[in-house]
């Protein structure tokens, strides 16, 4: 199997993104498993390399993916502007640089020149001026023309999918419908099979209200929307359970019995997830035409420029992209070579006397 070509966006240049990228890609063993292409402003790369006190670290500037070579860091210049890095500072100029890198990378992703992409963290507030950008997941989903997608946070113990993502708490109930839940369950089920190699995935679905609505005294969404969605999904061949009250579910570690947990909103799923995997968890987007992962942390403005950012989450995201690429190829190969159907026949035997 050929090494996957993996696009990597620089993230917010005033944050820790390039620091974790550079520290990860300086290890030679990375190049045994993939061909990395970094979308970046070369000037911000030089600044980050200097901050990391790394001298013997070169890259090859290329114009097109066709020029990318193995065993080297390939770079496509997303911008050549004279940007001044100011670590720890949110700025519209930094947001512009971050968005240019994402946009340039997505051009190659949409053209199917990349096998996977890994996005370094950005500050949404500095690039909200770009129409339609509410975060990587939504932007990438829309850019690729996908009808829907699912944000999955993953670590060794737990995978959490989100029914709603970056929306105000006051709007969540109105966005949760039976059709939305069924669609997210379908994406989760297919992704667990195709991307993670789980033959019959078990999916837990959380309720929306405290104590699952306490039989309607707090809310009726569990009875009127969520439970019917679970029942319909099971009728359609999926394997899901719930709804579960989130506090007891995580408190009793019931998540260990399932392959994925579907949370109704961002903090319901991410607070327990980040309590388990703040330093090593990854973000994966299911349901789109390319593999996309990212570290599960943000720009880290408070530690940016101090050369102390941990690389574990980013390196896990990179290797997750490689693993999912391999798994998708294995799944496709198995489906292309199914065993021939043979009708079961009853054999009759007679003992000779």
C-alpha atoms as a PDB file:
ATOM      1  CA  UNK A   1       0.000   0.000   0.000  1.00  0.00           C
ATOM      2  CA  UNK A   2       1.373   3.407  -0.994  1.00  0.00           C
ATOM      3  CA  UNK A   3       2.091   5.963   1.678  1.00  0.00           C
ATOM      4  CA  UNK A   4      -0.805   8.398   2.092  1.00  0.00           C
ATOM      5  CA  UNK A   5      -0.273  12.021   1.098  1.00  0.00           C
ATOM      6  CA  UNK A   6      -1.461  14.024   4.100  1.00  0.00           C
ATOM      7  CA  UNK A   7      -2.189  17.742   3.989  1.00  0.00           C
ATOM      8  CA  UNK A   8      -1.542  19.730   7.163  1.00  0.00           C
ATOM      9  CA  UNK A   9      -2.756  23.288   7.734  1.00  0.00           C
ATOM     10  CA  UNK A  10      -0.653  25.660   9.837  1.00  0.00           C
ATOM     11  CA  UNK A  11      -3.439  26.816  12.165  1.00  0.00           C
ATOM     12  CA  UNK A  12      -3.370  30.211  13.860  1.00  0.00           C
ATOM     13  CA  UNK A  13       0.253  31.429  13.596  1.00  0.00           C
ATOM     14  CA  UNK A  14      -0.067  33.257  16.934  1.00  0.00           C
ATOM     15  CA  UNK A  15      -1.024  30.007  18.697  1.00  0.00           C
ATOM     16  CA  UNK A  16       0.640  26.656  19.325  1.00  0.00           C
ATOM     17  CA  UNK A  17      -0.350  25.066  16.004  1.00  0.00           C
ATOM     18  CA  UNK A  18       2.947  25.372  14.141  1.00  0.00           C
ATOM     19  CA  UNK A  19       4.878  24.495  17.288  1.00  0.00           C
ATOM     20  CA  UNK A  20       3.185  21.087  17.617  1.00  0.00           C
ATOM     21  CA  UNK A  21       3.375  20.531  13.848  1.00  0.00           C
ATOM     22  CA  UNK A  22       7.099  21.259  13.687  1.00  0.00           C
ATOM     23  CA  UNK A  23       7.962  19.234  16.774  1.00  0.00           C
ATOM     24  CA  UNK A  24       6.025  16.265  15.420  1.00  0.00           C
ATOM     25  CA  UNK A  25       7.388  16.395  11.876  1.00  0.00           C
ATOM     26  CA  UNK A  26      11.008  16.735  12.985  1.00  0.00           C
ATOM     27  CA  UNK A  27      11.021  13.005  13.813  1.00  0.00           C
ATOM     28  CA  UNK A  28      12.299  10.987  10.873  1.00  0.00           C
ATOM     29  CA  UNK A  29      10.100   7.955  11.586  1.00  0.00           C
ATOM     30  CA  UNK A  30       7.016   9.988  10.597  1.00  0.00           C
ATOM     31  CA  UNK A  31       8.151   9.852   6.988  1.00  0.00           C
ATOM     32  CA  UNK A  32       8.120   6.058   7.006  1.00  0.00           C
ATOM     33  CA  UNK A  33       4.315   6.165   7.180  1.00  0.00           C
ATOM     34  CA  UNK A  34       3.181   9.180   5.156  1.00  0.00           C
ATOM     35  CA  UNK A  35       4.115  11.990   2.785  1.00  0.00           C
ATOM     36  CA  UNK A  36       3.307  15.228   4.645  1.00  0.00           C
ATOM     37  CA  UNK A  37       2.439  18.450   2.815  1.00  0.00           C
ATOM     38  CA  UNK A  38       2.290  21.533   5.033  1.00  0.00           C
ATOM     39  CA  UNK A  39       0.139  24.472   3.893  1.00  0.00           C
ATOM     40  CA  UNK A  40       1.779  27.449   5.479  1.00  0.00           C
ATOM     41  CA  UNK A  41       3.279  30.913   5.137  1.00  0.00           C
ATOM     42  CA  UNK A  42       7.046  30.174   4.958  1.00  0.00           C
ATOM     43  CA  UNK A  43       7.735  33.230   7.114  1.00  0.00           C
ATOM     44  CA  UNK A  44       5.505  31.983   9.939  1.00  0.00           C
ATOM     45  CA  UNK A  45       7.215  28.588   9.677  1.00  0.00           C
ATOM     46  CA  UNK A  46      10.650  30.182  10.037  1.00  0.00           C
ATOM     47  CA  UNK A  47       9.467  32.165  13.063  1.00  0.00           C
ATOM     48  CA  UNK A  48       8.028  29.054  14.735  1.00  0.00           C
ATOM     49  CA  UNK A  49      11.148  26.998  14.000  1.00  0.00           C
ATOM     50  CA  UNK A  50      13.306  29.678  15.614  1.00  0.00           C
ATOM     51  CA  UNK A  51      11.018  29.784  18.652  1.00  0.00           C
ATOM     52  CA  UNK A  52      11.339  25.987  18.988  1.00  0.00           C
ATOM     53  CA  UNK A  53      15.162  26.275  18.891  1.00  0.00           C
ATOM     54  CA  UNK A  54      15.332  23.850  15.979  1.00  0.00           C
ATOM     55  CA  UNK A  55      18.099  24.654  13.493  1.00  0.00           C
ATOM     56  CA  UNK A  56      18.651  21.640  11.231  1.00  0.00           C
ATOM     57  CA  UNK A  57      15.118  21.393   9.930  1.00  0.00           C
ATOM     58  CA  UNK A  58      14.543  22.017   6.244  1.00  0.00           C
ATOM     59  CA  UNK A  59      11.575  21.783   3.918  1.00  0.00           C
ATOM     60  CA  UNK A  60      11.042  21.684   0.181  1.00  0.00           C
ATOM     61  CA  UNK A  61       8.776  24.353  -1.275  1.00  0.00           C
ATOM     62  CA  UNK A  62       6.526  22.916  -3.984  1.00  0.00           C
ATOM     63  CA  UNK A  63       3.849  24.439  -6.204  1.00  0.00           C
ATOM     64  CA  UNK A  64       1.701  21.354  -6.722  1.00  0.00           C
ATOM     65  CA  UNK A  65       1.052  18.018  -4.997  1.00  0.00           C
ATOM     66  CA  UNK A  66       2.555  16.226  -7.996  1.00  0.00           C
ATOM     67  CA  UNK A  67       5.943  17.564  -6.851  1.00  0.00           C
ATOM     68  CA  UNK A  68       5.646  16.117  -3.328  1.00  0.00           C
ATOM     69  CA  UNK A  69       8.308  13.558  -2.512  1.00  0.00           C
ATOM     70  CA  UNK A  70       8.820  10.951   0.170  1.00  0.00           C
ATOM     71  CA  UNK A  71      11.170  11.374   3.142  1.00  0.00           C
ATOM     72  CA  UNK A  72      10.959  15.152   3.234  1.00  0.00           C
ATOM     73  CA  UNK A  73       8.698  17.897   4.511  1.00  0.00           C
ATOM     74  CA  UNK A  74       6.883  19.331   1.514  1.00  0.00           C
ATOM     75  CA  UNK A  75       5.437  22.830   1.823  1.00  0.00           C
ATOM     76  CA  UNK A  76       2.900  24.700  -0.286  1.00  0.00           C
ATOM     77  CA  UNK A  77       2.933  28.438   0.424  1.00  0.00           C
ATOM     78  CA  UNK A  78      -0.598  29.448   1.361  1.00  0.00           C
ATOM     79  CA  UNK A  79       0.607  33.045   1.695  1.00  0.00           C
ATOM     80  CA  UNK A  80       3.815  35.021   1.239  1.00  0.00           C
ATOM     81  CA  UNK A  81       2.677  38.082   3.156  1.00  0.00           C
ATOM     82  CA  UNK A  82       5.064  39.728   5.609  1.00  0.00           C
ATOM     83  CA  UNK A  83       3.104  38.615   8.645  1.00  0.00           C
ATOM     84  CA  UNK A  84       4.563  39.461  12.056  1.00  0.00           C
ATOM     85  CA  UNK A  85       3.969  36.662  14.522  1.00  0.00           C
ATOM     86  CA  UNK A  86       2.736  37.857  17.938  1.00  0.00           C
ATOM     87  CA  UNK A  87       2.406  34.775  20.078  1.00  0.00           C
ATOM     88  CA  UNK A  88      -0.583  34.666  22.373  1.00  0.00           C
ATOM     89  CA  UNK A  89      -2.421  37.497  20.628  1.00  0.00           C
ATOM     90  CA  UNK A  90      -5.720  37.077  18.785  1.00  0.00           C
ATOM     91  CA  UNK A  91      -5.742  39.144  15.611  1.00  0.00           C
ATOM     92  CA  UNK A  92      -7.646  39.374  12.336  1.00  0.00           C
ATOM     93  CA  UNK A  93      -4.379  39.169  10.408  1.00  0.00           C
ATOM     94  CA  UNK A  94      -3.544  35.895  12.126  1.00  0.00           C
ATOM     95  CA  UNK A  95      -7.040  34.670  11.335  1.00  0.00           C
ATOM     96  CA  UNK A  96      -6.504  35.595   7.685  1.00  0.00           C
ATOM     97  CA  UNK A  97      -3.268  33.583   7.538  1.00  0.00           C
ATOM     98  CA  UNK A  98      -4.978  30.601   9.174  1.00  0.00           C
ATOM     99  CA  UNK A  99      -7.902  30.739   6.750  1.00  0.00           C
ATOM    100  CA  UNK A 100      -5.676  31.049   3.676  1.00  0.00           C
ATOM    101  CA  UNK A 101      -3.908  27.824   4.709  1.00  0.00           C
ATOM    102  CA  UNK A 102      -7.189  25.961   5.222  1.00  0.00           C
ATOM    103  CA  UNK A 103      -8.659  27.245   1.965  1.00  0.00           C
ATOM    104  CA  UNK A 104      -5.571  26.349  -0.085  1.00  0.00           C
ATOM    105  CA  UNK A 105      -5.445  22.873   1.421  1.00  0.00           C
ATOM    106  CA  UNK A 106      -9.147  22.308   0.750  1.00  0.00           C
ATOM    107  CA  UNK A 107      -8.608  23.083  -2.948  1.00  0.00           C
ATOM    108  CA  UNK A 108      -6.321  20.052  -3.145  1.00  0.00           C
ATOM    109  CA  UNK A 109      -8.600  17.972  -0.921  1.00  0.00           C
ATOM    110  CA  UNK A 110     -11.618  18.636  -3.140  1.00  0.00           C
ATOM    111  CA  UNK A 111      -9.538  17.802  -6.216  1.00  0.00           C
ATOM    112  CA  UNK A 112      -8.712  14.438  -4.559  1.00  0.00           C
ATOM    113  CA  UNK A 113      -4.983  15.152  -4.569  1.00  0.00           C
ATOM    114  CA  UNK A 114      -4.729  14.360  -0.848  1.00  0.00           C
ATOM    115  CA  UNK A 115      -5.532  11.134   0.981  1.00  0.00           C
ATOM    116  CA  UNK A 116      -6.188  12.860   4.308  1.00  0.00           C
ATOM    117  CA  UNK A 117      -5.967  16.227   6.023  1.00  0.00           C
ATOM    118  CA  UNK A 118      -4.939  17.239   9.534  1.00  0.00           C
ATOM    119  CA  UNK A 119      -5.932  20.701  10.715  1.00  0.00           C
ATOM    120  CA  UNK A 120      -4.002  22.631  13.362  1.00  0.00           C
ATOM    121  CA  UNK A 121      -6.157  24.723  15.749  1.00  0.00           C
ATOM    122  CA  UNK A 122      -7.576  28.117  14.797  1.00  0.00           C
ATOM    123  CA  UNK A 123      -9.361  30.923  16.601  1.00  0.00           C
ATOM    124  CA  UNK A 124     -12.880  31.114  15.112  1.00  0.00           C
ATOM    125  CA  UNK A 125     -13.361  34.651  16.415  1.00  0.00           C
ATOM    126  CA  UNK A 126     -10.521  35.945  14.206  1.00  0.00           C
ATOM    127  CA  UNK A 127     -11.810  34.407  10.962  1.00  0.00           C
ATOM    128  CA  UNK A 128     -15.553  34.793  11.450  1.00  0.00           C
ATOM    129  CA  UNK A 129     -15.428  37.542   8.825  1.00  0.00           C
ATOM    130  CA  UNK A 130     -15.054  34.765   6.250  1.00  0.00           C
ATOM    131  CA  UNK A 131     -18.634  33.950   5.287  1.00  0.00           C
ATOM    132  CA  UNK A 132     -19.846  30.611   6.556  1.00  0.00           C
ATOM    133  CA  UNK A 133     -16.884  29.790   8.816  1.00  0.00           C
ATOM    134  CA  UNK A 134     -18.119  28.583  12.202  1.00  0.00           C
ATOM    135  CA  UNK A 135     -15.324  26.066  12.670  1.00  0.00           C
ATOM    136  CA  UNK A 136     -13.330  23.506  10.722  1.00  0.00           C
ATOM    137  CA  UNK A 137     -16.026  20.814  10.712  1.00  0.00           C
ATOM    138  CA  UNK A 138     -18.810  22.959   9.279  1.00  0.00           C
ATOM    139  CA  UNK A 139     -16.576  24.739   6.782  1.00  0.00           C
ATOM    140  CA  UNK A 140     -14.978  21.541   5.451  1.00  0.00           C
ATOM    141  CA  UNK A 141     -18.360  19.793   5.239  1.00  0.00           C
ATOM    142  CA  UNK A 142     -19.795  22.671   3.212  1.00  0.00           C
ATOM    143  CA  UNK A 143     -16.679  23.073   1.049  1.00  0.00           C
ATOM    144  CA  UNK A 144     -16.812  19.408   0.012  1.00  0.00           C
ATOM    145  CA  UNK A 145     -20.532  19.588  -0.697  1.00  0.00           C
ATOM    146  CA  UNK A 146     -21.488  16.986   1.889  1.00  0.00           C
ATOM    147  CA  UNK A 147     -25.108  16.988   3.046  1.00  0.00           C
ATOM    148  CA  UNK A 148     -24.128  16.277   6.638  1.00  0.00           C
ATOM    149  CA  UNK A 149     -21.208  15.201   8.788  1.00  0.00           C
ATOM    150  CA  UNK A 150     -20.495  14.117  12.341  1.00  0.00           C
ATOM    151  CA  UNK A 151     -17.881  15.485  14.718  1.00  0.00           C
ATOM    152  CA  UNK A 152     -16.312  12.577  16.605  1.00  0.00           C
ATOM    153  CA  UNK A 153     -13.880  13.013  19.486  1.00  0.00           C
ATOM    154  CA  UNK A 154     -11.827   9.874  20.026  1.00  0.00           C
ATOM    155  CA  UNK A 155      -9.369   8.426  22.506  1.00  0.00           C
ATOM    156  CA  UNK A 156      -8.519   4.885  23.564  1.00  0.00           C
ATOM    157  CA  UNK A 157     -11.420   4.589  26.034  1.00  0.00           C
ATOM    158  CA  UNK A 158     -14.147   6.667  24.416  1.00  0.00           C
ATOM    159  CA  UNK A 159     -15.571   7.985  21.161  1.00  0.00           C
ATOM    160  CA  UNK A 160     -18.122  10.804  21.379  1.00  0.00           C
ATOM    161  CA  UNK A 161     -20.203  12.094  18.469  1.00  0.00           C
ATOM    162  CA  UNK A 162     -22.127  15.374  18.575  1.00  0.00           C
ATOM    163  CA  UNK A 163     -25.710  15.862  17.371  1.00  0.00           C
ATOM    164  CA  UNK A 164     -25.205  19.648  17.504  1.00  0.00           C
ATOM    165  CA  UNK A 165     -21.829  21.373  17.504  1.00  0.00           C
ATOM    166  CA  UNK A 166     -20.946  25.057  17.871  1.00  0.00           C
ATOM    167  CA  UNK A 167     -24.362  26.543  18.536  1.00  0.00           C
ATOM    168  CA  UNK A 168     -25.792  28.586  21.395  1.00  0.00           C
ATOM    169  CA  UNK A 169     -27.305  26.561  24.228  1.00  0.00           C
ATOM    170  CA  UNK A 170     -30.595  28.428  23.795  1.00  0.00           C
ATOM    171  CA  UNK A 171     -30.977  27.036  20.240  1.00  0.00           C
ATOM    172  CA  UNK A 172     -30.143  23.381  20.873  1.00  0.00           C
ATOM    173  CA  UNK A 173     -33.634  22.024  21.601  1.00  0.00           C
ATOM    174  CA  UNK A 174     -35.031  23.493  18.382  1.00  0.00           C
ATOM    175  CA  UNK A 175     -32.273  21.833  16.313  1.00  0.00           C
ATOM    176  CA  UNK A 176     -32.819  18.334  17.673  1.00  0.00           C
ATOM    177  CA  UNK A 177     -35.304  16.421  15.540  1.00  0.00           C
ATOM    178  CA  UNK A 178     -35.984  12.756  14.912  1.00  0.00           C
ATOM    179  CA  UNK A 179     -34.561  12.977  11.381  1.00  0.00           C
ATOM    180  CA  UNK A 180     -31.396  14.733  12.544  1.00  0.00           C
ATOM    181  CA  UNK A 181     -30.724  12.088  15.194  1.00  0.00           C
ATOM    182  CA  UNK A 182     -31.334   9.192  12.773  1.00  0.00           C
ATOM    183  CA  UNK A 183     -29.006  10.787  10.231  1.00  0.00           C
ATOM    184  CA  UNK A 184     -26.232  11.214  12.803  1.00  0.00           C
ATOM    185  CA  UNK A 185     -26.682   7.606  13.972  1.00  0.00           C
ATOM    186  CA  UNK A 186     -26.327   6.421  10.361  1.00  0.00           C
ATOM    187  CA  UNK A 187     -23.132   8.431   9.834  1.00  0.00           C
ATOM    188  CA  UNK A 188     -21.727   7.129  13.121  1.00  0.00           C
ATOM    189  CA  UNK A 189     -22.585   3.514  12.319  1.00  0.00           C
ATOM    190  CA  UNK A 190     -21.090   3.635   8.819  1.00  0.00           C
ATOM    191  CA  UNK A 191     -17.964   5.415  10.038  1.00  0.00           C
ATOM    192  CA  UNK A 192     -17.344   2.899  12.816  1.00  0.00           C
ATOM    193  CA  UNK A 193     -17.522   0.117  10.236  1.00  0.00           C
ATOM    194  CA  UNK A 194     -15.551   1.757   7.425  1.00  0.00           C
ATOM    195  CA  UNK A 195     -13.065   3.918   9.337  1.00  0.00           C
ATOM    196  CA  UNK A 196     -12.504   1.900  12.515  1.00  0.00           C
ATOM    197  CA  UNK A 197     -13.179  -1.667  11.383  1.00  0.00           C
ATOM    198  CA  UNK A 198     -15.977  -2.414  13.882  1.00  0.00           C
ATOM    199  CA  UNK A 199     -18.295  -4.969  12.281  1.00  0.00           C
ATOM    200  CA  UNK A 200     -21.399  -4.375  14.404  1.00  0.00           C
ATOM    201  CA  UNK A 201     -20.953  -1.101  16.304  1.00  0.00           C
ATOM    202  CA  UNK A 202     -22.875  -0.429  19.495  1.00  0.00           C
ATOM    203  CA  UNK A 203     -24.006   3.199  19.821  1.00  0.00           C
ATOM    204  CA  UNK A 204     -25.320   4.852  22.985  1.00  0.00           C
ATOM    205  CA  UNK A 205     -27.570   7.916  22.640  1.00  0.00           C
ATOM    206  CA  UNK A 206     -27.799  10.454  25.469  1.00  0.00           C
ATOM    207  CA  UNK A 207     -30.909  12.350  26.494  1.00  0.00           C
ATOM    208  CA  UNK A 208     -31.210  16.122  26.297  1.00  0.00           C
ATOM    209  CA  UNK A 209     -32.673  17.066  29.688  1.00  0.00           C
ATOM    210  CA  UNK A 210     -31.478  16.347  33.230  1.00  0.00           C
ATOM    211  CA  UNK A 211     -32.548  12.861  34.332  1.00  0.00           C
ATOM    212  CA  UNK A 212     -33.951  12.214  30.843  1.00  0.00           C
ATOM    213  CA  UNK A 213     -36.715  14.731  31.517  1.00  0.00           C
ATOM    214  CA  UNK A 214     -37.988  13.015  34.697  1.00  0.00           C
ATOM    215  CA  UNK A 215     -40.967  11.468  32.889  1.00  0.00           C
ATOM    216  CA  UNK A 216     -41.848  14.766  31.279  1.00  0.00           C
ATOM    217  CA  UNK A 217     -41.643  17.040  34.313  1.00  0.00           C
ATOM    218  CA  UNK A 218     -38.460  18.674  32.976  1.00  0.00           C
ATOM    219  CA  UNK A 219     -38.873  18.075  29.244  1.00  0.00           C
ATOM    220  CA  UNK A 220     -40.466  15.778  26.662  1.00  0.00           C
ATOM    221  CA  UNK A 221     -37.698  15.551  24.034  1.00  0.00           C
ATOM    222  CA  UNK A 222     -36.582  12.116  25.231  1.00  0.00           C
ATOM    223  CA  UNK A 223     -40.046  10.589  24.895  1.00  0.00           C
ATOM    224  CA  UNK A 224     -41.246  12.447  21.804  1.00  0.00           C
ATOM    225  CA  UNK A 225     -38.055  12.775  19.712  1.00  0.00           C
ATOM    226  CA  UNK A 226     -35.004  10.861  20.918  1.00  0.00           C
ATOM    227  CA  UNK A 227     -36.554   7.474  21.793  1.00  0.00           C
ATOM    228  CA  UNK A 228     -38.558   7.280  18.520  1.00  0.00           C
ATOM    229  CA  UNK A 229     -35.346   8.076  16.608  1.00  0.00           C
ATOM    230  CA  UNK A 230     -33.498   5.250  18.381  1.00  0.00           C
ATOM    231  CA  UNK A 231     -36.332   2.819  17.684  1.00  0.00           C
ATOM    232  CA  UNK A 232     -36.413   3.777  13.987  1.00  0.00           C
ATOM    233  CA  UNK A 233     -32.633   3.447  13.670  1.00  0.00           C
ATOM    234  CA  UNK A 234     -32.796  -0.058  15.114  1.00  0.00           C
ATOM    235  CA  UNK A 235     -35.541  -0.984  12.638  1.00  0.00           C
ATOM    236  CA  UNK A 236     -33.214   0.155   9.856  1.00  0.00           C
ATOM    237  CA  UNK A 237     -30.508  -2.250  10.986  1.00  0.00           C
ATOM    238  CA  UNK A 238     -28.398  -0.142  13.299  1.00  0.00           C
ATOM    239  CA  UNK A 239     -27.513  -1.166  16.836  1.00  0.00           C
ATOM    240  CA  UNK A 240     -28.193   1.705  19.247  1.00  0.00           C
ATOM    241  CA  UNK A 241     -29.471   2.127  22.790  1.00  0.00           C
ATOM    242  CA  UNK A 242     -30.847   4.845  25.038  1.00  0.00           C
ATOM    243  CA  UNK A 243     -31.623   7.533  25.761  1.00  0.00           C
ATOM    244  CA  UNK A 244     -29.336   7.654  28.780  1.00  0.00           C
ATOM    245  CA  UNK A 245     -29.088  10.382  31.384  1.00  0.00           C
ATOM    246  CA  UNK A 246     -25.638  11.851  30.786  1.00  0.00           C
ATOM    247  CA  UNK A 247     -24.514  12.307  34.405  1.00  0.00           C
ATOM    248  CA  UNK A 248     -25.169   8.740  35.508  1.00  0.00           C
ATOM    249  CA  UNK A 249     -23.998   7.318  32.183  1.00  0.00           C
ATOM    250  CA  UNK A 250     -20.528   8.820  32.452  1.00  0.00           C
ATOM    251  CA  UNK A 251     -20.365   8.603  36.238  1.00  0.00           C
ATOM    252  CA  UNK A 252     -20.897   4.831  36.130  1.00  0.00           C
ATOM    253  CA  UNK A 253     -18.523   4.452  33.131  1.00  0.00           C
ATOM    254  CA  UNK A 254     -21.247   2.881  31.013  1.00  0.00           C
ATOM    255  CA  UNK A 255     -19.478   4.291  27.962  1.00  0.00           C
ATOM    256  CA  UNK A 256     -17.039   1.374  28.202  1.00  0.00           C
ATOM    257  CA  UNK A 257     -19.825  -0.901  26.925  1.00  0.00           C
ATOM    258  CA  UNK A 258     -20.241   1.028  23.660  1.00  0.00           C
ATOM    259  CA  UNK A 259     -18.226   1.850  20.560  1.00  0.00           C
ATOM    260  CA  UNK A 260     -19.514   5.426  20.402  1.00  0.00           C
ATOM    261  CA  UNK A 261     -21.670   7.788  22.456  1.00  0.00           C
ATOM    262  CA  UNK A 262     -23.900  10.349  20.733  1.00  0.00           C
ATOM    263  CA  UNK A 263     -24.252  13.509  22.807  1.00  0.00           C
ATOM    264  CA  UNK A 264     -26.982  16.062  22.131  1.00  0.00           C
ATOM    265  CA  UNK A 265     -24.712  19.110  22.414  1.00  0.00           C
ATOM    266  CA  UNK A 266     -21.090  20.202  22.617  1.00  0.00           C
ATOM    267  CA  UNK A 267     -20.380  20.383  26.342  1.00  0.00           C
ATOM    268  CA  UNK A 268     -22.489  17.341  27.200  1.00  0.00           C
ATOM    269  CA  UNK A 269     -20.019  15.215  25.263  1.00  0.00           C
ATOM    270  CA  UNK A 270     -16.794  17.181  25.435  1.00  0.00           C
ATOM    271  CA  UNK A 271     -16.605  17.810  29.171  1.00  0.00           C
ATOM    272  CA  UNK A 272     -16.413  14.094  30.035  1.00  0.00           C
ATOM    273  CA  UNK A 273     -14.252  13.418  26.976  1.00  0.00           C
ATOM    274  CA  UNK A 274     -11.675  16.080  27.790  1.00  0.00           C
ATOM    275  CA  UNK A 275     -11.663  14.987  31.422  1.00  0.00           C
ATOM    276  CA  UNK A 276     -10.394  11.650  30.116  1.00  0.00           C
ATOM    277  CA  UNK A 277      -8.237  12.762  27.186  1.00  0.00           C
ATOM    278  CA  UNK A 278      -7.360  16.460  27.352  1.00  0.00           C
ATOM    279  CA  UNK A 279      -3.768  15.880  26.242  1.00  0.00           C
ATOM    280  CA  UNK A 280      -4.084  12.981  23.796  1.00  0.00           C
ATOM    281  CA  UNK A 281      -7.596  13.012  22.305  1.00  0.00           C
ATOM    282  CA  UNK A 282      -8.294  13.701  18.636  1.00  0.00           C
ATOM    283  CA  UNK A 283     -11.107  15.159  16.548  1.00  0.00           C
ATOM    284  CA  UNK A 284     -12.365  13.242  13.481  1.00  0.00           C
ATOM    285  CA  UNK A 285     -14.958  14.315  10.924  1.00  0.00           C
ATOM    286  CA  UNK A 286     -17.126  11.427   9.729  1.00  0.00           C
ATOM    287  CA  UNK A 287     -19.395  11.499   6.699  1.00  0.00           C
ATOM    288  CA  UNK A 288     -17.234  13.542   4.297  1.00  0.00           C
ATOM    289  CA  UNK A 289     -15.255  12.487   1.220  1.00  0.00           C
ATOM    290  CA  UNK A 290     -11.799  12.824   2.790  1.00  0.00           C
ATOM    291  CA  UNK A 291     -10.262  11.730   6.073  1.00  0.00           C
ATOM    292  CA  UNK A 292      -9.970  14.731   8.385  1.00  0.00           C
ATOM    293  CA  UNK A 293      -8.495  14.733  11.877  1.00  0.00           C
ATOM    294  CA  UNK A 294      -7.184  17.373  14.261  1.00  0.00           C
ATOM    295  CA  UNK A 295      -5.908  17.683  17.817  1.00  0.00           C
ATOM    296  CA  UNK A 296      -8.718  18.231  20.302  1.00  0.00           C
ATOM    297  CA  UNK A 297      -7.138  21.343  21.860  1.00  0.00           C
ATOM    298  CA  UNK A 298      -7.335  24.972  20.833  1.00  0.00           C
ATOM    299  CA  UNK A 299      -4.813  27.660  19.954  1.00  0.00           C
ATOM    300  CA  UNK A 300      -3.295  27.671  23.456  1.00  0.00           C
ATOM    301  CA  UNK A 301      -2.657  31.413  23.479  1.00  0.00           C
ATOM    302  CA  UNK A 302      -1.655  31.225  27.147  1.00  0.00           C
ATOM    303  CA  UNK A 303       1.373  29.028  26.362  1.00  0.00           C
ATOM    304  CA  UNK A 304       2.064  30.080  22.756  1.00  0.00           C
ATOM    305  CA  UNK A 305       5.642  31.143  22.097  1.00  0.00           C
ATOM    306  CA  UNK A 306       6.973  29.495  25.255  1.00  0.00           C
ATOM    307  CA  UNK A 307       8.127  26.269  23.575  1.00  0.00           C
ATOM    308  CA  UNK A 308       6.219  24.111  26.072  1.00  0.00           C
ATOM    309  CA  UNK A 309       3.235  22.875  24.029  1.00  0.00           C
ATOM    310  CA  UNK A 310       2.702  19.105  24.136  1.00  0.00           C
ATOM    311  CA  UNK A 311       2.592  17.328  20.782  1.00  0.00           C
ATOM    312  CA  UNK A 312       0.708  14.171  21.810  1.00  0.00           C
ATOM    313  CA  UNK A 313      -2.727  15.225  20.570  1.00  0.00           C
ATOM    314  CA  UNK A 314      -1.420  16.433  17.203  1.00  0.00           C
ATOM    315  CA  UNK A 315       0.779  13.374  16.650  1.00  0.00           C
ATOM    316  CA  UNK A 316      -2.167  11.139  17.584  1.00  0.00           C
ATOM    317  CA  UNK A 317      -4.300  13.021  15.048  1.00  0.00           C
ATOM    318  CA  UNK A 318      -1.676  12.470  12.351  1.00  0.00           C
ATOM    319  CA  UNK A 319      -1.362   8.756  13.055  1.00  0.00           C
ATOM    320  CA  UNK A 320      -5.136   8.408  13.337  1.00  0.00           C
ATOM    321  CA  UNK A 321      -5.390   9.773   9.783  1.00  0.00           C
ATOM    322  CA  UNK A 322      -2.841   7.194   8.631  1.00  0.00           C
ATOM    323  CA  UNK A 323      -4.631   4.357  10.466  1.00  0.00           C
ATOM    324  CA  UNK A 324      -8.048   5.342   9.075  1.00  0.00           C
ATOM    325  CA  UNK A 325      -6.577   5.511   5.562  1.00  0.00           C
ATOM    326  CA  UNK A 326      -5.295   1.947   5.953  1.00  0.00           C
ATOM    327  CA  UNK A 327      -8.578   0.765   7.458  1.00  0.00           C
ATOM    328  CA  UNK A 328     -10.615   2.268   4.625  1.00  0.00           C
ATOM    329  CA  UNK A 329      -8.437   0.499   2.082  1.00  0.00           C
ATOM    330  CA  UNK A 330      -8.729  -2.813   3.920  1.00  0.00           C
ATOM    331  CA  UNK A 331     -12.512  -2.436   4.192  1.00  0.00           C
ATOM    332  CA  UNK A 332     -12.797  -1.617   0.489  1.00  0.00           C
ATOM    333  CA  UNK A 333     -10.639  -4.614  -0.442  1.00  0.00           C
ATOM    334  CA  UNK A 334     -12.730  -6.994   1.653  1.00  0.00           C
ATOM    335  CA  UNK A 335     -15.947  -5.705   0.078  1.00  0.00           C
ATOM    336  CA  UNK A 336     -14.479  -6.092  -3.412  1.00  0.00           C
ATOM    337  CA  UNK A 337     -13.709  -9.775  -2.834  1.00  0.00           C
ATOM    338  CA  UNK A 338     -16.727 -11.284  -1.094  1.00  0.00           C
ATOM    339  CA  UNK A 339     -16.990 -15.029  -0.651  1.00  0.00           C
ATOM    340  CA  UNK A 340     -19.135 -16.663  -3.282  1.00  0.00           C
ATOM    341  CA  UNK A 341     -22.656 -17.513  -2.130  1.00  0.00           C
ATOM    342  CA  UNK A 342     -23.327 -21.210  -1.724  1.00  0.00           C
ATOM    343  CA  UNK A 343     -26.752 -22.573  -0.987  1.00  0.00           C
ATOM    344  CA  UNK A 344     -26.841 -24.704   2.140  1.00  0.00           C
ATOM    345  CA  UNK A 345     -28.006 -28.215   1.288  1.00  0.00           C
ATOM    346  CA  UNK A 346     -29.093 -30.918   3.662  1.00  0.00           C
ATOM    347  CA  UNK A 347     -27.055 -34.077   3.216  1.00  0.00           C
ATOM    348  CA  UNK A 348     -28.606 -37.442   3.967  1.00  0.00           C
ATOM    349  CA  UNK A 349     -26.510 -40.372   5.035  1.00  0.00           C
ATOM    350  CA  UNK A 350     -27.402 -44.026   5.349  1.00  0.00           C
ATOM    351  CA  UNK A 351     -25.412 -46.568   7.245  1.00  0.00           C
ATOM    352  CA  UNK A 352     -25.049 -49.836   5.416  1.00  0.00           C
ATOM    353  CA  UNK A 353     -25.997 -52.805   7.597  1.00  0.00           C
END
